């Protein structure tokens, strides 16, 4: 299948997917997450061919590997589980506080 006509060096998601050897869904995910720069024109995504090539080179040489591994929150589960090294909570104390609160509601 022939590549679609380029306008100002822009290529479609489908052509980018072929170039990167990824699915169109993966390319759209890269676009949504800001991994791959692109622009929307008339409701469709277009990617600059040079940007797609640079993205492919970064992926091949691993230069963006560490950046992809970093997390903005060093303890993302802190508010969910509060155990281990998460700044934790004393589960027994939490239970006691709960029981005191419930008892206070009944008394009041």
C-alpha atoms as a PDB file:
ATOM      1  CA  UNK A   1       0.000   0.000   0.000  1.00  0.00           C
ATOM      2  CA  UNK A   2       1.412   3.389  -0.969  1.00  0.00           C
ATOM      3  CA  UNK A   3       2.106   6.023   1.649  1.00  0.00           C
ATOM      4  CA  UNK A   4      -0.434   8.819   1.761  1.00  0.00           C
ATOM      5  CA  UNK A   5       0.493  12.233   0.446  1.00  0.00           C
ATOM      6  CA  UNK A   6       2.481  14.305   2.897  1.00  0.00           C
ATOM      7  CA  UNK A   7       1.513  17.889   3.585  1.00  0.00           C
ATOM      8  CA  UNK A   8       4.330  20.010   5.000  1.00  0.00           C
ATOM      9  CA  UNK A   9       6.103  16.824   6.108  1.00  0.00           C
ATOM     10  CA  UNK A  10       3.104  15.583   8.103  1.00  0.00           C
ATOM     11  CA  UNK A  11       2.070  11.935   7.987  1.00  0.00           C
ATOM     12  CA  UNK A  12      -1.040  10.168   9.218  1.00  0.00           C
ATOM     13  CA  UNK A  13      -1.350   7.951  12.288  1.00  0.00           C
ATOM     14  CA  UNK A  14      -1.553   4.904  10.015  1.00  0.00           C
ATOM     15  CA  UNK A  15       1.649   5.826   8.184  1.00  0.00           C
ATOM     16  CA  UNK A  16       3.386   6.631  11.472  1.00  0.00           C
ATOM     17  CA  UNK A  17       2.326   3.233  12.855  1.00  0.00           C
ATOM     18  CA  UNK A  18       3.863   1.500   9.834  1.00  0.00           C
ATOM     19  CA  UNK A  19       7.059   3.532  10.187  1.00  0.00           C
ATOM     20  CA  UNK A  20       7.358   2.783  13.917  1.00  0.00           C
ATOM     21  CA  UNK A  21       6.155  -0.820  13.501  1.00  0.00           C
ATOM     22  CA  UNK A  22       3.429  -0.214  16.071  1.00  0.00           C
ATOM     23  CA  UNK A  23      -0.354  -0.363  15.975  1.00  0.00           C
ATOM     24  CA  UNK A  24      -2.405   2.733  15.258  1.00  0.00           C
ATOM     25  CA  UNK A  25      -3.815   2.434  18.792  1.00  0.00           C
ATOM     26  CA  UNK A  26      -0.288   2.564  20.247  1.00  0.00           C
ATOM     27  CA  UNK A  27       0.586   5.621  18.150  1.00  0.00           C
ATOM     28  CA  UNK A  28      -2.575   7.372  19.362  1.00  0.00           C
ATOM     29  CA  UNK A  29      -1.597   6.504  22.945  1.00  0.00           C
ATOM     30  CA  UNK A  30       1.866   8.032  22.367  1.00  0.00           C
ATOM     31  CA  UNK A  31       0.131  11.172  21.069  1.00  0.00           C
ATOM     32  CA  UNK A  32      -2.337  11.412  23.982  1.00  0.00           C
ATOM     33  CA  UNK A  33       0.416  10.899  26.556  1.00  0.00           C
ATOM     34  CA  UNK A  34       2.715  13.440  24.907  1.00  0.00           C
ATOM     35  CA  UNK A  35       5.363  10.838  24.075  1.00  0.00           C
ATOM     36  CA  UNK A  36       5.114  11.650  20.386  1.00  0.00           C
ATOM     37  CA  UNK A  37       4.457  15.229  19.261  1.00  0.00           C
ATOM     38  CA  UNK A  38       1.629  15.651  16.804  1.00  0.00           C
ATOM     39  CA  UNK A  39      -1.170  17.977  15.839  1.00  0.00           C
ATOM     40  CA  UNK A  40      -4.824  17.626  15.119  1.00  0.00           C
ATOM     41  CA  UNK A  41      -6.118  18.952  11.838  1.00  0.00           C
ATOM     42  CA  UNK A  42      -9.764  18.509  10.935  1.00  0.00           C
ATOM     43  CA  UNK A  43     -10.273  16.017  13.748  1.00  0.00           C
ATOM     44  CA  UNK A  44      -7.367  13.763  12.724  1.00  0.00           C
ATOM     45  CA  UNK A  45      -3.872  13.404  14.148  1.00  0.00           C
ATOM     46  CA  UNK A  46      -0.848  14.190  11.995  1.00  0.00           C
ATOM     47  CA  UNK A  47       2.774  13.683  12.927  1.00  0.00           C
ATOM     48  CA  UNK A  48       5.811  15.420  11.497  1.00  0.00           C
ATOM     49  CA  UNK A  49       7.921  12.773   9.753  1.00  0.00           C
ATOM     50  CA  UNK A  50      11.109  14.130  11.370  1.00  0.00           C
ATOM     51  CA  UNK A  51       9.490  13.864  14.832  1.00  0.00           C
ATOM     52  CA  UNK A  52       8.472  10.265  14.120  1.00  0.00           C
ATOM     53  CA  UNK A  53      12.038   9.458  13.065  1.00  0.00           C
ATOM     54  CA  UNK A  54      13.488  11.128  16.181  1.00  0.00           C
ATOM     55  CA  UNK A  55      11.014   9.191  18.348  1.00  0.00           C
ATOM     56  CA  UNK A  56      12.073   5.935  16.697  1.00  0.00           C
ATOM     57  CA  UNK A  57      15.773   6.698  17.258  1.00  0.00           C
ATOM     58  CA  UNK A  58      15.188   7.532  20.938  1.00  0.00           C
ATOM     59  CA  UNK A  59      13.369   4.231  21.387  1.00  0.00           C
ATOM     60  CA  UNK A  60      16.084   2.282  19.595  1.00  0.00           C
ATOM     61  CA  UNK A  61      19.031   3.718  21.506  1.00  0.00           C
ATOM     62  CA  UNK A  62      17.227   3.711  24.862  1.00  0.00           C
ATOM     63  CA  UNK A  63      17.942   7.374  25.579  1.00  0.00           C
ATOM     64  CA  UNK A  64      14.418   7.890  26.927  1.00  0.00           C
ATOM     65  CA  UNK A  65      14.334   4.693  28.999  1.00  0.00           C
ATOM     66  CA  UNK A  66      15.146   6.310  32.353  1.00  0.00           C
ATOM     67  CA  UNK A  67      12.653   9.112  31.771  1.00  0.00           C
ATOM     68  CA  UNK A  68       9.907   6.559  31.086  1.00  0.00           C
ATOM     69  CA  UNK A  69      10.718   4.752  34.332  1.00  0.00           C
ATOM     70  CA  UNK A  70      10.562   7.793  36.565  1.00  0.00           C
ATOM     71  CA  UNK A  71       7.403   8.500  38.477  1.00  0.00           C
ATOM     72  CA  UNK A  72       6.165  11.932  39.472  1.00  0.00           C
ATOM     73  CA  UNK A  73       5.091  10.597  42.874  1.00  0.00           C
ATOM     74  CA  UNK A  74       7.793   8.641  44.711  1.00  0.00           C
ATOM     75  CA  UNK A  75       5.120   6.817  46.737  1.00  0.00           C
ATOM     76  CA  UNK A  76       2.023   6.525  44.511  1.00  0.00           C
ATOM     77  CA  UNK A  77       0.254   4.026  46.778  1.00  0.00           C
ATOM     78  CA  UNK A  78       0.683   6.005  49.996  1.00  0.00           C
ATOM     79  CA  UNK A  79      -2.959   7.086  50.188  1.00  0.00           C
ATOM     80  CA  UNK A  80      -4.261   3.707  49.113  1.00  0.00           C
ATOM     81  CA  UNK A  81      -2.536   1.170  51.317  1.00  0.00           C
ATOM     82  CA  UNK A  82      -0.651   3.098  54.031  1.00  0.00           C
ATOM     83  CA  UNK A  83       1.556   0.151  54.957  1.00  0.00           C
ATOM     84  CA  UNK A  84       5.162  -0.816  54.424  1.00  0.00           C
ATOM     85  CA  UNK A  85       7.366   2.187  53.733  1.00  0.00           C
ATOM     86  CA  UNK A  86       4.394   4.313  52.766  1.00  0.00           C
ATOM     87  CA  UNK A  87       4.404   6.623  55.725  1.00  0.00           C
ATOM     88  CA  UNK A  88       2.050   4.018  57.068  1.00  0.00           C
ATOM     89  CA  UNK A  89      -0.663   4.002  59.496  1.00  0.00           C
ATOM     90  CA  UNK A  90      -1.130   1.951  62.579  1.00  0.00           C
ATOM     91  CA  UNK A  91      -4.014  -0.283  61.587  1.00  0.00           C
ATOM     92  CA  UNK A  92      -4.922  -0.998  65.211  1.00  0.00           C
ATOM     93  CA  UNK A  93      -4.976   2.727  66.031  1.00  0.00           C
ATOM     94  CA  UNK A  94      -7.168   3.352  63.010  1.00  0.00           C
ATOM     95  CA  UNK A  95      -9.601   0.698  64.215  1.00  0.00           C
ATOM     96  CA  UNK A  96      -9.618   2.213  67.708  1.00  0.00           C
ATOM     97  CA  UNK A  97     -10.256   5.703  66.335  1.00  0.00           C
ATOM     98  CA  UNK A  98     -13.086   4.355  64.222  1.00  0.00           C
ATOM     99  CA  UNK A  99     -14.699   2.566  67.160  1.00  0.00           C
ATOM    100  CA  UNK A 100     -14.385   5.709  69.331  1.00  0.00           C
ATOM    101  CA  UNK A 101     -15.989   7.795  66.588  1.00  0.00           C
ATOM    102  CA  UNK A 102     -18.863   5.341  66.197  1.00  0.00           C
ATOM    103  CA  UNK A 103     -19.354   5.198  69.983  1.00  0.00           C
ATOM    104  CA  UNK A 104     -19.353   9.014  70.103  1.00  0.00           C
ATOM    105  CA  UNK A 105     -22.060   9.167  67.436  1.00  0.00           C
ATOM    106  CA  UNK A 106     -24.248   6.767  69.385  1.00  0.00           C
ATOM    107  CA  UNK A 107     -23.762   8.679  72.643  1.00  0.00           C
ATOM    108  CA  UNK A 108     -24.391  12.056  71.038  1.00  0.00           C
END
